[in-house]
C-alpha atoms as a PDB file:
ATOM      1  CA  MET A   1      28.390 186.033  49.570  1.00  0.00           C
ATOM      2  CA  ALA A   2      25.322 184.567  48.665  1.00  0.00           C
ATOM      3  CA  GLU A   3      22.256 186.514  49.195  1.00  0.00           C
ATOM      4  CA  GLY A   4      18.920 184.846  48.372  1.00  0.00           C
ATOM      5  CA  ASN A   5      19.330 183.222  45.026  1.00  0.00           C
ATOM      6  CA  ILE A   6      22.617 185.120  44.476  1.00  0.00           C
ATOM      7  CA  GLU A   7      25.247 182.591  43.977  1.00  0.00           C
ATOM      8  CA  TYR A   8      28.109 184.749  42.906  1.00  0.00           C
ATOM      9  CA  ASN A   9      30.677 187.013  44.743  1.00  0.00           C
ATOM     10  CA  ASP A  10      32.366 188.657  41.999  1.00  0.00           C
ATOM     11  CA  LEU A  11      33.402 192.480  42.697  1.00  0.00           C
ATOM     12  CA  ILE A  12      31.745 194.709  40.423  1.00  0.00           C
ATOM     13  CA  SER A  13      33.263 198.158  40.208  1.00  0.00           C
ATOM     14  CA  VAL A  14      30.607 200.955  39.641  1.00  0.00           C
ATOM     15  CA  ILE A  15      31.982 204.644  38.014  1.00  0.00           C
ATOM     16  CA  ILE A  16      29.978 207.295  38.673  1.00  0.00           C
ATOM     17  CA  PRO A  17      31.515 210.587  36.974  1.00  0.00           C
ATOM     18  CA  THR A  18      29.567 213.346  38.783  1.00  0.00           C
ATOM     19  CA  PHE A  19      29.547 217.370  38.110  1.00  0.00           C
ATOM     20  CA  ASN A  20      27.039 219.564  39.809  1.00  0.00           C
ATOM     21  CA  ASP A  21      24.519 216.625  39.887  1.00  0.00           C
ATOM     22  CA  LYS A  22      23.086 217.817  43.679  1.00  0.00           C
ATOM     23  CA  LYS A  23      19.581 217.453  42.317  1.00  0.00           C
ATOM     24  CA  PHE A  24      19.685 213.728  41.472  1.00  0.00           C
ATOM     25  CA  LEU A  25      22.844 212.219  42.606  1.00  0.00           C
ATOM     26  CA  PRO A  26      21.039 211.326  46.088  1.00  0.00           C
ATOM     27  CA  GLU A  27      18.540 209.300  43.799  1.00  0.00           C
ATOM     28  CA  CYS A  28      21.417 207.440  41.954  1.00  0.00           C
ATOM     29  CA  LEU A  29      22.971 206.772  45.153  1.00  0.00           C
ATOM     30  CA  GLN A  30      20.099 205.235  46.852  1.00  0.00           C
ATOM     31  CA  SER A  31      19.429 203.007  43.808  1.00  0.00           C
ATOM     32  CA  ILE A  32      22.815 201.861  43.962  1.00  0.00           C
ATOM     33  CA  TYR A  33      22.483 201.313  47.943  1.00  0.00           C
ATOM     34  CA  ASN A  34      19.237 199.465  47.291  1.00  0.00           C
ATOM     35  CA  GLN A  35      20.978 196.655  44.777  1.00  0.00           C
ATOM     36  CA  THR A  36      20.189 193.244  45.803  1.00  0.00           C
ATOM     37  CA  TYR A  37      23.850 192.407  44.812  1.00  0.00           C
ATOM     38  CA  LYS A  38      25.999 193.914  47.416  1.00  0.00           C
ATOM     39  CA  ASN A  39      29.661 193.419  46.583  1.00  0.00           C
ATOM     40  CA  LEU A  40      30.229 196.571  44.954  1.00  0.00           C
ATOM     41  CA  GLN A  41      33.323 199.191  44.742  1.00  0.00           C
ATOM     42  CA  ILE A  42      31.278 202.679  44.077  1.00  0.00           C
ATOM     43  CA  ILE A  43      33.652 204.879  42.764  1.00  0.00           C
ATOM     44  CA  LEU A  44      32.397 208.502  42.655  1.00  0.00           C
ATOM     45  CA  VAL A  45      34.424 210.848  40.730  1.00  0.00           C
ATOM     46  CA  ASP A  46      33.804 214.531  41.612  1.00  0.00           C
ATOM     47  CA  ASP A  47      34.655 216.318  38.398  1.00  0.00           C
ATOM     48  CA  GLY A  48      35.426 219.725  39.870  1.00  0.00           C
ATOM     49  CA  SER A  49      31.674 220.427  41.142  1.00  0.00           C
ATOM     50  CA  THR A  50      30.724 223.772  42.508  1.00  0.00           C
ATOM     51  CA  ASP A  51      27.410 223.133  44.007  1.00  0.00           C
ATOM     52  CA  LYS A  52      26.866 220.709  46.783  1.00  0.00           C
ATOM     53  CA  THR A  53      27.793 217.643  44.964  1.00  0.00           C
ATOM     54  CA  SER A  54      31.279 217.275  46.492  1.00  0.00           C
ATOM     55  CA  SER A  55      29.796 217.273  50.051  1.00  0.00           C
ATOM     56  CA  ILE A  56      27.205 214.492  49.072  1.00  0.00           C
ATOM     57  CA  CYS A  57      29.586 212.411  47.839  1.00  0.00           C
ATOM     58  CA  ASP A  58      31.911 212.771  50.900  1.00  0.00           C
ATOM     59  CA  ASN A  59      28.420 212.217  53.229  1.00  0.00           C
ATOM     60  CA  TRP A  60      27.730 208.864  51.370  1.00  0.00           C
ATOM     61  CA  ALA A  61      31.176 207.647  51.749  1.00  0.00           C
ATOM     62  CA  LYS A  62      31.137 208.290  55.657  1.00  0.00           C
ATOM     63  CA  ASN A  63      27.948 205.837  55.598  1.00  0.00           C
ATOM     64  CA  ASP A  64      29.188 203.269  53.279  1.00  0.00           C
ATOM     65  CA  GLN A  65      32.669 202.094  53.024  1.00  0.00           C
ATOM     66  CA  ARG A  66      32.111 200.564  49.702  1.00  0.00           C
ATOM     67  CA  ILE A  67      32.305 204.133  48.237  1.00  0.00           C
ATOM     68  CA  GLN A  68      35.649 205.792  47.314  1.00  0.00           C
ATOM     69  CA  VAL A  69      35.521 209.498  46.457  1.00  0.00           C
ATOM     70  CA  ILE A  70      37.987 211.310  43.889  1.00  0.00           C
ATOM     71  CA  HIS A  71      37.842 214.820  43.901  1.00  0.00           C
ATOM     72  CA  LYS A  72      39.751 216.345  40.890  1.00  0.00           C
ATOM     73  CA  ASP A  73      39.793 219.395  38.727  1.00  0.00           C
ATOM     74  CA  ARG A  74      37.086 219.929  36.172  1.00  0.00           C
ATOM     75  CA  GLY A  75      38.392 217.649  33.366  1.00  0.00           C
ATOM     76  CA  GLY A  76      35.132 216.760  31.476  1.00  0.00           C
ATOM     77  CA  VAL A  77      33.324 213.180  31.501  1.00  0.00           C
ATOM     78  CA  SER A  78      36.008 211.097  29.720  1.00  0.00           C
ATOM     79  CA  ALA A  79      38.812 212.172  31.994  1.00  0.00           C
ATOM     80  CA  ALA A  80      36.373 211.493  34.959  1.00  0.00           C
ATOM     81  CA  ARG A  81      35.669 208.000  33.772  1.00  0.00           C
ATOM     82  CA  ASN A  82      39.308 207.214  32.980  1.00  0.00           C
ATOM     83  CA  ALA A  83      40.197 208.205  36.669  1.00  0.00           C
ATOM     84  CA  GLY A  84      37.447 205.762  37.880  1.00  0.00           C
ATOM     85  CA  LEU A  85      39.195 203.096  35.568  1.00  0.00           C
ATOM     86  CA  HIS A  86      42.574 203.683  36.913  1.00  0.00           C
ATOM     87  CA  VAL A  87      41.358 202.622  40.516  1.00  0.00           C
ATOM     88  CA  ALA A  88      38.702 200.045  39.542  1.00  0.00           C
ATOM     89  CA  LYS A  89      39.346 196.845  41.319  1.00  0.00           C
ATOM     90  CA  GLY A  90      36.360 194.767  39.956  1.00  0.00           C
ATOM     91  CA  THR A  91      36.274 191.596  38.126  1.00  0.00           C
ATOM     92  CA  TYR A  92      33.437 193.588  36.039  1.00  0.00           C
ATOM     93  CA  ILE A  93      32.847 197.244  35.266  1.00  0.00           C
ATOM     94  CA  SER A  94      29.663 199.309  35.285  1.00  0.00           C
ATOM     95  CA  PHE A  95      29.198 202.932  34.235  1.00  0.00           C
ATOM     96  CA  VAL A  96      26.429 205.047  35.717  1.00  0.00           C
ATOM     97  CA  ASP A  97      25.375 208.763  34.908  1.00  0.00           C
ATOM     98  CA  ALA A  98      24.932 210.737  38.092  1.00  0.00           C
ATOM     99  CA  ASP A  99      21.410 211.915  37.004  1.00  0.00           C
ATOM    100  CA  ASP A 100      20.306 208.379  36.265  1.00  0.00           C
ATOM    101  CA  TYR A 101      18.691 205.414  38.536  1.00  0.00           C
ATOM    102  CA  LEU A 102      18.858 201.618  38.508  1.00  0.00           C
ATOM    103  CA  ASP A 103      16.472 198.894  39.012  1.00  0.00           C
ATOM    104  CA  SER A 104      17.247 197.177  42.383  1.00  0.00           C
ATOM    105  CA  HIS A 105      18.242 193.968  40.649  1.00  0.00           C
ATOM    106  CA  PHE A 106      20.201 195.822  38.067  1.00  0.00           C
ATOM    107  CA  TYR A 107      23.717 193.906  39.189  1.00  0.00           C
ATOM    108  CA  GLU A 108      22.053 190.562  40.258  1.00  0.00           C
ATOM    109  CA  LYS A 109      20.777 190.111  36.890  1.00  0.00           C
ATOM    110  CA  MET A 110      23.469 191.523  34.887  1.00  0.00           C
ATOM    111  CA  LEU A 111      25.960 189.428  36.531  1.00  0.00           C
ATOM    112  CA  ARG A 112      24.151 186.424  36.334  1.00  0.00           C
ATOM    113  CA  ALA A 113      23.460 186.602  32.562  1.00  0.00           C
ATOM    114  CA  ALA A 114      27.410 186.956  32.491  1.00  0.00           C
ATOM    115  CA  LYS A 115      28.159 184.266  34.394  1.00  0.00           C
ATOM    116  CA  GLU A 116      25.822 181.838  32.716  1.00  0.00           C
ATOM    117  CA  ASN A 117      26.851 182.725  29.272  1.00  0.00           C
ATOM    118  CA  ASN A 118      30.668 183.362  29.886  1.00  0.00           C
ATOM    119  CA  GLY A 119      29.849 187.167  28.729  1.00  0.00           C
ATOM    120  CA  ASP A 120      32.305 189.616  28.051  1.00  0.00           C
ATOM    121  CA  VAL A 121      29.700 192.256  27.649  1.00  0.00           C
ATOM    122  CA  VAL A 122      26.109 192.071  28.903  1.00  0.00           C
ATOM    123  CA  VAL A 123      23.649 194.598  27.579  1.00  0.00           C
ATOM    124  CA  CYS A 124      20.021 195.536  29.130  1.00  0.00           C
ATOM    125  CA  PHE A 125      17.168 197.649  28.109  1.00  0.00           C
ATOM    126  CA  GLU A 126      16.275 201.041  29.440  1.00  0.00           C
ATOM    127  CA  ARG A 127      13.177 203.090  30.446  1.00  0.00           C
ATOM    128  CA  LEU A 128      13.602 206.895  29.668  1.00  0.00           C
ATOM    129  CA  ILE A 129      12.699 209.412  31.848  1.00  0.00           C
ATOM    130  CA  ASP A 130      11.344 212.896  30.510  1.00  0.00           C
ATOM    131  CA  LYS A 131      11.835 216.461  31.943  1.00  0.00           C
ATOM    132  CA  LYS A 132       8.596 216.322  33.698  1.00  0.00           C
ATOM    133  CA  GLY A 133       9.577 212.716  35.334  1.00  0.00           C
ATOM    134  CA  ASN A 134       7.401 210.621  33.307  1.00  0.00           C
ATOM    135  CA  THR A 135       8.844 207.184  32.351  1.00  0.00           C
ATOM    136  CA  ARG A 136       8.450 205.686  28.865  1.00  0.00           C
ATOM    137  CA  ILE A 137      10.427 202.655  27.092  1.00  0.00           C
ATOM    138  CA  SER A 138      12.412 203.055  23.875  1.00  0.00           C
ATOM    139  CA  ILE A 139      11.025 201.840  20.486  1.00  0.00           C
ATOM    140  CA  TRP A 140      13.856 199.025  20.211  1.00  0.00           C
ATOM    141  CA  HIS A 141      12.562 195.160  20.422  1.00  0.00           C
ATOM    142  CA  GLU A 142      14.057 193.439  23.191  1.00  0.00           C
ATOM    143  CA  MET A 143      14.855 189.734  23.488  1.00  0.00           C
ATOM    144  CA  ASN A 144      17.483 187.513  25.414  1.00  0.00           C
ATOM    145  CA  ARG A 145      20.093 186.367  23.166  1.00  0.00           C
ATOM    146  CA  VAL A 146      23.650 185.752  22.867  1.00  0.00           C
ATOM    147  CA  GLY A 147      26.101 186.772  20.177  1.00  0.00           C
ATOM    148  CA  ASN A 148      29.747 187.719  19.098  1.00  0.00           C
ATOM    149  CA  ASN A 149      31.356 191.173  18.478  1.00  0.00           C
ATOM    150  CA  ILE A 150      29.866 191.144  14.940  1.00  0.00           C
ATOM    151  CA  ALA A 151      26.508 191.283  16.075  1.00  0.00           C
ATOM    152  CA  PHE A 152      27.472 194.072  18.626  1.00  0.00           C
ATOM    153  CA  ILE A 153      28.825 196.221  15.965  1.00  0.00           C
ATOM    154  CA  LYS A 154      26.341 195.574  13.683  1.00  0.00           C
ATOM    155  CA  GLU A 155      23.239 196.734  16.124  1.00  0.00           C
ATOM    156  CA  PHE A 156      24.696 200.362  16.555  1.00  0.00           C
ATOM    157  CA  LEU A 157      26.987 201.145  13.537  1.00  0.00           C
ATOM    158  CA  ALA A 158      24.743 199.027  10.854  1.00  0.00           C
ATOM    159  CA  GLN A 159      21.326 199.071  12.358  1.00  0.00           C
ATOM    160  CA  ALA A 160      21.947 202.443  14.310  1.00  0.00           C
ATOM    161  CA  ASN A 161      20.450 201.382  17.794  1.00  0.00           C
ATOM    162  CA  PRO A 162      21.498 204.444  19.732  1.00  0.00           C
ATOM    163  CA  ALA A 163      21.105 202.405  23.073  1.00  0.00           C
ATOM    164  CA  SER A 164      23.515 199.879  21.770  1.00  0.00           C
ATOM    165  CA  ALA A 165      26.170 202.710  21.554  1.00  0.00           C
ATOM    166  CA  VAL A 166      25.959 204.052  25.188  1.00  0.00           C
ATOM    167  CA  ILE A 167      27.759 202.423  28.058  1.00  0.00           C
ATOM    168  CA  TRP A 168      25.467 202.982  31.099  1.00  0.00           C
ATOM    169  CA  ASN A 169      23.233 199.828  30.110  1.00  0.00           C
ATOM    170  CA  LYS A 170      26.297 197.513  30.159  1.00  0.00           C
ATOM    171  CA  LEU A 171      28.096 195.411  32.382  1.00  0.00           C
ATOM    172  CA  TYR A 172      31.815 194.696  30.957  1.00  0.00           C
ATOM    173  CA  ARG A 173      34.340 192.215  32.019  1.00  0.00           C
ATOM    174  CA  ALA A 174      37.466 194.359  33.509  1.00  0.00           C
ATOM    175  CA  GLU A 175      40.071 192.092  31.505  1.00  0.00           C
ATOM    176  CA  PHE A 176      37.814 192.276  28.238  1.00  0.00           C
ATOM    177  CA  ILE A 177      37.973 195.965  28.307  1.00  0.00           C
ATOM    178  CA  LYS A 178      41.562 196.555  29.574  1.00  0.00           C
ATOM    179  CA  GLY A 179      43.687 199.204  27.757  1.00  0.00           C
ATOM    180  CA  ILE A 180      40.250 200.776  26.357  1.00  0.00           C
ATOM    181  CA  THR A 181      39.880 204.323  27.769  1.00  0.00           C
ATOM    182  CA  PHE A 182      37.648 207.105  26.840  1.00  0.00           C
ATOM    183  CA  THR A 183      38.281 209.656  24.471  1.00  0.00           C
ATOM    184  CA  ARG A 184      38.553 213.501  25.771  1.00  0.00           C
ATOM    185  CA  GLY A 185      36.744 216.092  24.243  1.00  0.00           C
ATOM    186  CA  ASN A 186      34.091 214.054  22.301  1.00  0.00           C
ATOM    187  CA  PHE A 187      30.336 214.270  23.990  1.00  0.00           C
ATOM    188  CA  LEU A 188      29.878 210.755  22.225  1.00  0.00           C
ATOM    189  CA  GLU A 189      33.017 209.250  23.690  1.00  0.00           C
ATOM    190  CA  SER A 190      30.788 206.078  24.875  1.00  0.00           C
ATOM    191  CA  MET A 191      30.360 205.533  20.883  1.00  0.00           C
ATOM    192  CA  LEU A 192      34.045 205.196  20.432  1.00  0.00           C
ATOM    193  CA  PHE A 193      34.736 203.107  23.432  1.00  0.00           C
ATOM    194  CA  ASN A 194      32.140 200.561  22.194  1.00  0.00           C
ATOM    195  CA  VAL A 195      33.515 200.458  18.925  1.00  0.00           C
ATOM    196  CA  GLU A 196      37.010 199.626  20.741  1.00  0.00           C
ATOM    197  CA  VAL A 197      35.171 196.906  22.607  1.00  0.00           C
ATOM    198  CA  GLY A 198      33.504 195.543  19.376  1.00  0.00           C
ATOM    199  CA  CYS A 199      36.707 195.191  17.845  1.00  0.00           C
ATOM    200  CA  ARG A 200      37.630 192.450  20.330  1.00  0.00           C
ATOM    201  CA  LYS A 201      36.507 189.194  19.849  1.00  0.00           C
ATOM    202  CA  GLY A 202      34.008 187.806  22.611  1.00  0.00           C
ATOM    203  CA  THR A 203      30.761 186.914  23.753  1.00  0.00           C
ATOM    204  CA  PHE A 204      28.156 189.749  24.353  1.00  0.00           C
ATOM    205  CA  VAL A 205      24.728 189.034  26.106  1.00  0.00           C
ATOM    206  CA  TRP A 206      21.507 190.953  25.619  1.00  0.00           C
ATOM    207  CA  ILE A 207      18.824 190.341  28.259  1.00  0.00           C
ATOM    208  CA  LYS A 208      15.313 191.718  27.849  1.00  0.00           C
ATOM    209  CA  ASP A 209      14.847 193.355  31.471  1.00  0.00           C
ATOM    210  CA  ARG A 210      14.487 197.094  31.382  1.00  0.00           C
ATOM    211  CA  LEU A 211      16.793 197.860  34.253  1.00  0.00           C
ATOM    212  CA  TYR A 212      18.453 201.214  33.970  1.00  0.00           C
ATOM    213  CA  TYR A 213      16.334 204.332  34.264  1.00  0.00           C
ATOM    214  CA  HIS A 214      17.946 207.415  32.063  1.00  0.00           C
ATOM    215  CA  ARG A 215      16.810 210.933  31.832  1.00  0.00           C
ATOM    216  CA  VAL A 216      16.575 212.340  28.264  1.00  0.00           C
ATOM    217  CA  ASP A 217      17.228 215.881  27.815  1.00  0.00           C
ATOM    218  CA  ASP A 218      19.119 218.027  25.412  1.00  0.00           C
ATOM    219  CA  ASN A 219      22.512 216.453  26.795  1.00  0.00           C
ATOM    220  CA  SER A 220      21.056 212.943  26.521  1.00  0.00           C
ATOM    221  CA  ASP A 221      23.383 210.598  24.666  1.00  0.00           C
ATOM    222  CA  LEU A 222      20.034 209.234  23.088  1.00  0.00           C
ATOM    223  CA  ASN A 223      19.434 212.765  21.838  1.00  0.00           C
ATOM    224  CA  PRO A 224      22.292 213.426  19.526  1.00  0.00           C
ATOM    225  CA  MET A 225      20.396 215.322  16.887  1.00  0.00           C
ATOM    226  CA  GLY A 226      20.106 218.924  18.391  1.00  0.00           C
ATOM    227  CA  GLN A 227      21.559 221.870  16.393  1.00  0.00           C
ATOM    228  CA  LYS A 228      24.555 222.120  18.820  1.00  0.00           C
ATOM    229  CA  ARG A 229      25.229 218.422  18.532  1.00  0.00           C
ATOM    230  CA  ILE A 230      24.428 217.004  15.159  1.00  0.00           C
ATOM    231  CA  VAL A 231      27.847 217.960  13.638  1.00  0.00           C
ATOM    232  CA  ALA A 232      29.872 216.164  16.236  1.00  0.00           C
ATOM    233  CA  THR A 233      27.628 213.344  15.883  1.00  0.00           C
ATOM    234  CA  VAL A 234      28.292 212.696  12.455  1.00  0.00           C
ATOM    235  CA  ARG A 235      32.208 213.262  12.862  1.00  0.00           C
ATOM    236  CA  THR A 236      31.862 210.570  15.534  1.00  0.00           C
ATOM    237  CA  MET A 237      29.611 208.349  13.447  1.00  0.00           C
ATOM    238  CA  ALA A 238      32.132 208.394  10.553  1.00  0.00           C
ATOM    239  CA  LYS A 239      35.485 208.142  12.958  1.00  0.00           C
ATOM    240  CA  SER A 240      33.661 205.086  14.418  1.00  0.00           C
ATOM    241  CA  VAL A 241      33.183 203.300  10.924  1.00  0.00           C
ATOM    242  CA  ASP A 242      36.909 204.206  10.370  1.00  0.00           C
ATOM    243  CA  ILE A 243      37.975 202.913  13.671  1.00  0.00           C
ATOM    244  CA  TYR A 244      36.139 199.446  13.121  1.00  0.00           C
ATOM    245  CA  ASP A 245      37.680 199.526   9.437  1.00  0.00           C
ATOM    246  CA  SER A 246      41.237 200.120  10.739  1.00  0.00           C
ATOM    247  CA  HIS A 247      40.859 196.345  12.472  1.00  0.00           C
ATOM    248  CA  LYS A 248      40.265 194.863   9.080  1.00  0.00           C
ATOM    249  CA  PRO A 249      36.848 193.090   9.643  1.00  0.00           C
ATOM    250  CA  GLY A 250      35.135 191.089   6.946  1.00  0.00           C
ATOM    251  CA  TYR A 251      34.638 192.871   3.713  1.00  0.00           C
ATOM    252  CA  GLU A 252      30.887 192.078   3.443  1.00  0.00           C
ATOM    253  CA  LEU A 253      30.115 193.475   6.784  1.00  0.00           C
ATOM    254  CA  MET A 254      32.280 196.895   6.095  1.00  0.00           C
ATOM    255  CA  CYS A 255      30.314 197.229   2.992  1.00  0.00           C
ATOM    256  CA  GLN A 256      27.002 196.943   4.750  1.00  0.00           C
ATOM    257  CA  ILE A 257      28.324 199.289   7.666  1.00  0.00           C
ATOM    258  CA  LYS A 258      29.818 201.805   5.251  1.00  0.00           C
ATOM    259  CA  THR A 259      26.588 201.824   3.164  1.00  0.00           C
ATOM    260  CA  LYS A 260      24.380 202.431   6.120  1.00  0.00           C
ATOM    261  CA  ALA A 261      26.566 204.960   7.497  1.00  0.00           C
ATOM    262  CA  LEU A 262      26.263 207.146   4.213  1.00  0.00           C
ATOM    263  CA  TRP A 263      22.595 206.980   4.467  1.00  0.00           C
ATOM    264  CA  LYS A 264      22.595 208.224   7.839  1.00  0.00           C
ATOM    265  CA  LEU A 265      25.153 211.130   6.926  1.00  0.00           C
ATOM    266  CA  GLU A 266      22.333 212.073   4.192  1.00  0.00           C
ATOM    267  CA  GLN A 267      19.583 211.726   6.746  1.00  0.00           C
ATOM    268  CA  SER A 268      21.640 214.202   8.857  1.00  0.00           C
ATOM    269  CA  TYR A 269      21.949 216.484   6.306  1.00  0.00           C
ATOM    270  CA  SER A 270      18.358 216.382   5.231  1.00  0.00           C
ATOM    271  CA  TYR A 271      17.472 217.042   8.890  1.00  0.00           C
ATOM    272  CA  CYS A 272      19.654 219.995   9.198  1.00  0.00           C
ATOM    273  CA  LEU A 273      17.801 221.561   5.990  1.00  0.00           C
ATOM    274  CA  ASN A 274      14.264 220.640   7.146  1.00  0.00           C
ATOM    275  CA  ASN A 275      15.247 222.657  10.425  1.00  0.00           C
ATOM    276  CA  GLY A 276      16.621 225.791   8.383  1.00  0.00           C
ATOM    277  CA  TRP A 277      20.389 224.909  10.297  1.00  0.00           C
ATOM    278  CA  ILE A 278      22.303 226.058   7.069  1.00  0.00           C
ATOM    279  CA  GLU A 279      25.729 226.346   8.688  1.00  0.00           C
ATOM    280  CA  GLU A 280      25.431 222.892  10.181  1.00  0.00           C
ATOM    281  CA  GLY A 281      23.849 221.637   7.039  1.00  0.00           C
ATOM    282  CA  ARG A 282      26.940 222.669   5.226  1.00  0.00           C
ATOM    283  CA  LYS A 283      29.708 221.192   7.699  1.00  0.00           C
ATOM    284  CA  VAL A 284      27.706 217.780   7.506  1.00  0.00           C
ATOM    285  CA  LYS A 285      27.492 217.859   3.695  1.00  0.00           C
ATOM    286  CA  ASP A 286      31.302 218.335   3.594  1.00  0.00           C
ATOM    287  CA  ILE A 287      31.653 215.131   6.010  1.00  0.00           C
ATOM    288  CA  TYR A 288      29.175 213.110   3.628  1.00  0.00           C
ATOM    289  CA  MET A 289      31.309 214.321   0.618  1.00  0.00           C
ATOM    290  CA  ARG A 290      34.463 213.217   2.165  1.00  0.00           C
ATOM    291  CA  ASN A 291      33.621 210.191   3.337  1.00  0.00           C
ATOM    292  CA  TYR A 292      31.522 209.484   0.149  1.00  0.00           C
ATOM    293  CA  ASP A 293      35.043 209.720  -1.697  1.00  0.00           C
ATOM    294  CA  ASN A 294      36.450 207.417   0.672  1.00  0.00           C
ATOM    295  CA  TRP A 295      33.774 204.430   0.835  1.00  0.00           C
ATOM    296  CA  LYS A 296      32.457 204.554  -2.374  1.00  0.00           C
ATOM    297  CA  GLY A 297      33.970 201.400  -3.338  1.00  0.00           C
ATOM    298  CA  ASN A 298      32.431 199.550  -0.698  1.00  0.00           C
ATOM    299  CA  ILE A 299      28.477 200.907  -1.265  1.00  0.00           C
ATOM    300  CA  VAL A 300      26.161 197.750  -1.588  1.00  0.00           C
ATOM    301  CA  GLY A 301      23.535 197.381  -4.488  1.00  0.00           C
ATOM    302  CA  THR A 302      23.182 199.397  -7.717  1.00  0.00           C
ATOM    303  CA  ALA A 303      20.313 201.632  -6.299  1.00  0.00           C
ATOM    304  CA  ASN A 304      22.118 202.659  -3.370  1.00  0.00           C
ATOM    305  CA  ARG A 305      25.508 203.485  -5.353  1.00  0.00           C
ATOM    306  CA  MET A 306      23.308 205.500  -8.067  1.00  0.00           C
ATOM    307  CA  LYS A 307      21.728 207.752  -5.233  1.00  0.00           C
ATOM    308  CA  LEU A 308      24.514 208.096  -3.141  1.00  0.00           C
ATOM    309  CA  TRP A 309      26.265 209.296  -6.195  1.00  0.00           C
ATOM    310  CA  PHE A 310      23.792 211.649  -7.114  1.00  0.00           C
ATOM    311  CA  ILE A 311      23.784 213.173  -3.547  1.00  0.00           C
ATOM    312  CA  ARG A 312      27.558 213.597  -3.846  1.00  0.00           C
ATOM    313  CA  LEU A 313      26.742 215.394  -7.066  1.00  0.00           C
ATOM    314  CA  MET A 314      23.848 217.484  -6.264  1.00  0.00           C
ATOM    315  CA  PRO A 315      23.270 217.184  -2.640  1.00  0.00           C
ATOM    316  CA  THR A 316      20.809 220.228  -2.466  1.00  0.00           C
ATOM    317  CA  ILE A 317      18.863 218.913  -5.524  1.00  0.00           C
ATOM    318  CA  PHE A 318      18.399 215.728  -4.229  1.00  0.00           C
ATOM    319  CA  PHE A 319      17.266 216.879  -1.009  1.00  0.00           C
ATOM    320  CA  LEU A 320      14.646 219.229  -2.756  1.00  0.00           C
ATOM    321  CA  LYS A 321      13.374 216.421  -4.744  1.00  0.00           C
ATOM    322  CA  LYS A 322      13.137 214.166  -1.503  1.00  0.00           C
ATOM    323  CA  LYS A 323      11.425 216.991   0.219  1.00  0.00           C
ATOM    324  CA  GLN A 324       8.736 217.405  -2.895  1.00  0.00           C
ATOM    325  CA  ASN A 325       8.273 213.739  -2.835  1.00  0.00           C
ATOM    326  CA  SER A 326       7.249 213.754   0.762  1.00  0.00           C
ATOM    327  CA  ASP A 327       4.740 216.939   0.816  1.00  0.00           C
END
């Protein structure tokens, strides 16, 4: 099915979990309908919606035979994505949030990058939409490049690029992610999913195009540091490190990742105290101390070892000294 300069015909399964998204779902679906690449299996998973979302899904399915609707009881976004994976038939898999939308060339460019580089995972960049509808770009530098799973893991575990941890700006080869599912009950389920993906040896492709439009609010994957989410965020980050460690990667890489993770935990603790979140700060501190005891043998650099040890010994004093120096 060549359309214009499109020379590929691989089926792409597009999985869209939706719950009470009547406001934004039509714009999302319109952006997928407008794609220059047409060979799509569009899977709408209605996760027990109580507004008009269900009828929106059904009406779009009546007018586009590529759309398959799954109506299910409320089970959360992880269960909804897993339901979509269960019926996906494509050679490639894509996940889209129902309140986001795509550039019209999203699938054309992502698929071309996958085919030309024999890629197992393709990553693009995004444009962010605030509550007023204004768009902006993220701070992360973009470039076209090809790397392996180590480069992929480094980017969001060692370099802490949140856009690398999400799933909506990626195209996955279905066979490559076979057997990986989403963990229920964790709002950063996409991070754990991508850790499992990064444990598999493959080819990862980054393209500099900003093809995905993501709404940023208190519930966004790119805004994980709110008071209600910060404890879950640091727990997921620590769990991600342990998952990757269980796959026995190189020692030097794990030392880098664990050192970086301990500093991210410290920063999260400081963030809690700066905002007066005492209870959240206590929980984050406990997570830091527990993981410091497990990871201290992997800390890179004498200065890091001394500072991180001091935080473990007297975290509040370290924070007060740090705050004094910054004032």
